[in-house]
C-alpha atoms as a PDB file:
ATOM      1  CA  UNK A   1      89.850 118.721 103.772  1.00  0.00           C
ATOM      2  CA  UNK A   2      92.289 121.288 104.528  1.00  0.00           C
ATOM      3  CA  UNK A   3      95.512 121.671 101.971  1.00  0.00           C
ATOM      4  CA  UNK A   4      97.657 120.002 104.605  1.00  0.00           C
ATOM      5  CA  UNK A   5      96.016 116.619 104.734  1.00  0.00           C
ATOM      6  CA  UNK A   6      97.175 114.294 102.210  1.00  0.00           C
ATOM      7  CA  UNK A   7      95.234 110.808 101.290  1.00  0.00           C
ATOM      8  CA  UNK A   8      97.593 108.083 101.485  1.00  0.00           C
ATOM      9  CA  UNK A   9      97.894 104.605 101.149  1.00  0.00           C
ATOM     10  CA  UNK A  10     100.503 102.601 103.633  1.00  0.00           C
ATOM     11  CA  UNK A  11     101.872  99.264 101.944  1.00  0.00           C
ATOM     12  CA  UNK A  12     104.275  96.619 104.498  1.00  0.00           C
ATOM     13  CA  UNK A  13     107.079  95.271 103.282  1.00  0.00           C
ATOM     14  CA  UNK A  14     106.830  91.588 102.049  1.00  0.00           C
ATOM     15  CA  UNK A  15     110.558  91.279 103.352  1.00  0.00           C
ATOM     16  CA  UNK A  16     111.187  93.181 106.411  1.00  0.00           C
ATOM     17  CA  UNK A  17     108.666  92.849 109.233  1.00  0.00           C
ATOM     18  CA  UNK A  18     107.828  96.589 110.179  1.00  0.00           C
ATOM     19  CA  UNK A  19     108.967  98.410 107.544  1.00  0.00           C
ATOM     20  CA  UNK A  20     106.106 100.618 105.760  1.00  0.00           C
ATOM     21  CA  UNK A  21     105.852 102.610 102.610  1.00  0.00           C
ATOM     22  CA  UNK A  22     103.551 105.781 102.808  1.00  0.00           C
ATOM     23  CA  UNK A  23     102.087 107.059  99.094  1.00  0.00           C
ATOM     24  CA  UNK A  24      99.876 109.205  98.105  1.00  0.00           C
ATOM     25  CA  UNK A  25      96.469 107.684  97.389  1.00  0.00           C
ATOM     26  CA  UNK A  26      95.923 106.358  93.991  1.00  0.00           C
ATOM     27  CA  UNK A  27      99.370 107.114  92.827  1.00  0.00           C
ATOM     28  CA  UNK A  28     101.060 103.415  93.724  1.00  0.00           C
ATOM     29  CA  UNK A  29     104.690 103.235  93.803  1.00  0.00           C
ATOM     30  CA  UNK A  30     105.382 105.632  90.471  1.00  0.00           C
ATOM     31  CA  UNK A  31     107.192 108.088  93.247  1.00  0.00           C
ATOM     32  CA  UNK A  32     109.307 105.199  94.702  1.00  0.00           C
ATOM     33  CA  UNK A  33     112.859 104.639  93.782  1.00  0.00           C
ATOM     34  CA  UNK A  34     113.370 101.283  91.721  1.00  0.00           C
ATOM     35  CA  UNK A  35     116.362 100.517  93.994  1.00  0.00           C
ATOM     36  CA  UNK A  36     114.280 100.971  97.063  1.00  0.00           C
ATOM     37  CA  UNK A  37     111.210  99.011  95.553  1.00  0.00           C
ATOM     38  CA  UNK A  38     113.831  96.126  94.800  1.00  0.00           C
ATOM     39  CA  UNK A  39     114.621  96.214  98.856  1.00  0.00           C
ATOM     40  CA  UNK A  40     111.059  96.570  99.822  1.00  0.00           C
ATOM     41  CA  UNK A  41     109.699  93.450  97.755  1.00  0.00           C
ATOM     42  CA  UNK A  42     106.527  92.975  96.988  1.00  0.00           C
ATOM     43  CA  UNK A  43     103.946  95.558  98.278  1.00  0.00           C
ATOM     44  CA  UNK A  44     100.716  94.358 100.081  1.00  0.00           C
ATOM     45  CA  UNK A  45      98.563  97.285 101.347  1.00  0.00           C
ATOM     46  CA  UNK A  46      98.106  97.448 104.801  1.00  0.00           C
ATOM     47  CA  UNK A  47      95.469 100.460 105.040  1.00  0.00           C
ATOM     48  CA  UNK A  48      94.306 104.022 103.670  1.00  0.00           C
ATOM     49  CA  UNK A  49      94.131 107.002 105.495  1.00  0.00           C
ATOM     50  CA  UNK A  50      94.545 111.069 105.818  1.00  0.00           C
ATOM     51  CA  UNK A  51      97.371 112.329 106.917  1.00  0.00           C
ATOM     52  CA  UNK A  52      97.511 115.751 108.614  1.00  0.00           C
ATOM     53  CA  UNK A  53     100.383 117.408 110.950  1.00  0.00           C
ATOM     54  CA  UNK A  54      97.897 117.122 113.889  1.00  0.00           C
ATOM     55  CA  UNK A  55      97.131 113.803 113.482  1.00  0.00           C
ATOM     56  CA  UNK A  56      98.418 110.836 115.605  1.00  0.00           C
ATOM     57  CA  UNK A  57     100.489 108.242 114.102  1.00  0.00           C
ATOM     58  CA  UNK A  58     101.829 105.793 116.693  1.00  0.00           C
ATOM     59  CA  UNK A  59     105.445 105.613 115.169  1.00  0.00           C
ATOM     60  CA  UNK A  60     105.619 108.326 112.737  1.00  0.00           C
ATOM     61  CA  UNK A  61     105.890 112.140 113.183  1.00  0.00           C
ATOM     62  CA  UNK A  62     102.932 113.286 111.274  1.00  0.00           C
ATOM     63  CA  UNK A  63     104.619 116.350 109.838  1.00  0.00           C
ATOM     64  CA  UNK A  64     107.296 114.501 108.471  1.00  0.00           C
ATOM     65  CA  UNK A  65     104.965 112.309 106.640  1.00  0.00           C
ATOM     66  CA  UNK A  66     103.291 115.089 105.295  1.00  0.00           C
ATOM     67  CA  UNK A  67     106.345 116.715 104.249  1.00  0.00           C
ATOM     68  CA  UNK A  68     107.937 113.722 102.347  1.00  0.00           C
ATOM     69  CA  UNK A  69     104.944 112.906 100.857  1.00  0.00           C
ATOM     70  CA  UNK A  70     104.727 116.303  99.492  1.00  0.00           C
ATOM     71  CA  UNK A  71     108.442 117.052  98.617  1.00  0.00           C
ATOM     72  CA  UNK A  72     109.163 112.986  97.407  1.00  0.00           C
ATOM     73  CA  UNK A  73     105.616 111.774  96.713  1.00  0.00           C
ATOM     74  CA  UNK A  74     106.512 108.686  99.609  1.00  0.00           C
ATOM     75  CA  UNK A  75     107.555 107.962 102.936  1.00  0.00           C
ATOM     76  CA  UNK A  76     109.575 105.461 104.055  1.00  0.00           C
ATOM     77  CA  UNK A  77     109.070 104.056 107.786  1.00  0.00           C
ATOM     78  CA  UNK A  78     111.912 102.042 109.359  1.00  0.00           C
ATOM     79  CA  UNK A  79     111.560  99.159 111.653  1.00  0.00           C
ATOM     80  CA  UNK A  80     112.182 100.199 115.655  1.00  0.00           C
ATOM     81  CA  UNK A  81     115.905  99.604 116.110  1.00  0.00           C
ATOM     82  CA  UNK A  82     116.396  96.092 118.057  1.00  0.00           C
ATOM     83  CA  UNK A  83     117.633  97.082 121.613  1.00  0.00           C
ATOM     84  CA  UNK A  84     119.836  94.047 121.787  1.00  0.00           C
ATOM     85  CA  UNK A  85     122.585  95.880 119.119  1.00  0.00           C
ATOM     86  CA  UNK A  86     122.204  99.441 120.453  1.00  0.00           C
END
């Protein structure tokens, strides 16, 4: 594993569909602000994955995910925009 690869756990929100939190593996929600956790609801573990800047992710820029994990300890993946209201 190179220095830009990060093992992380991905949690889905129990309150909002398609809302996910990426956190460093084994750290749980310690870096996630309490206000965000209150809105997120009960975290449900979706998967564990190794993220690197060159990994292809379905809905996120992997470089941004790595940057956020390194700088703030978590990455929030928001639901896709509802095209009916755009």
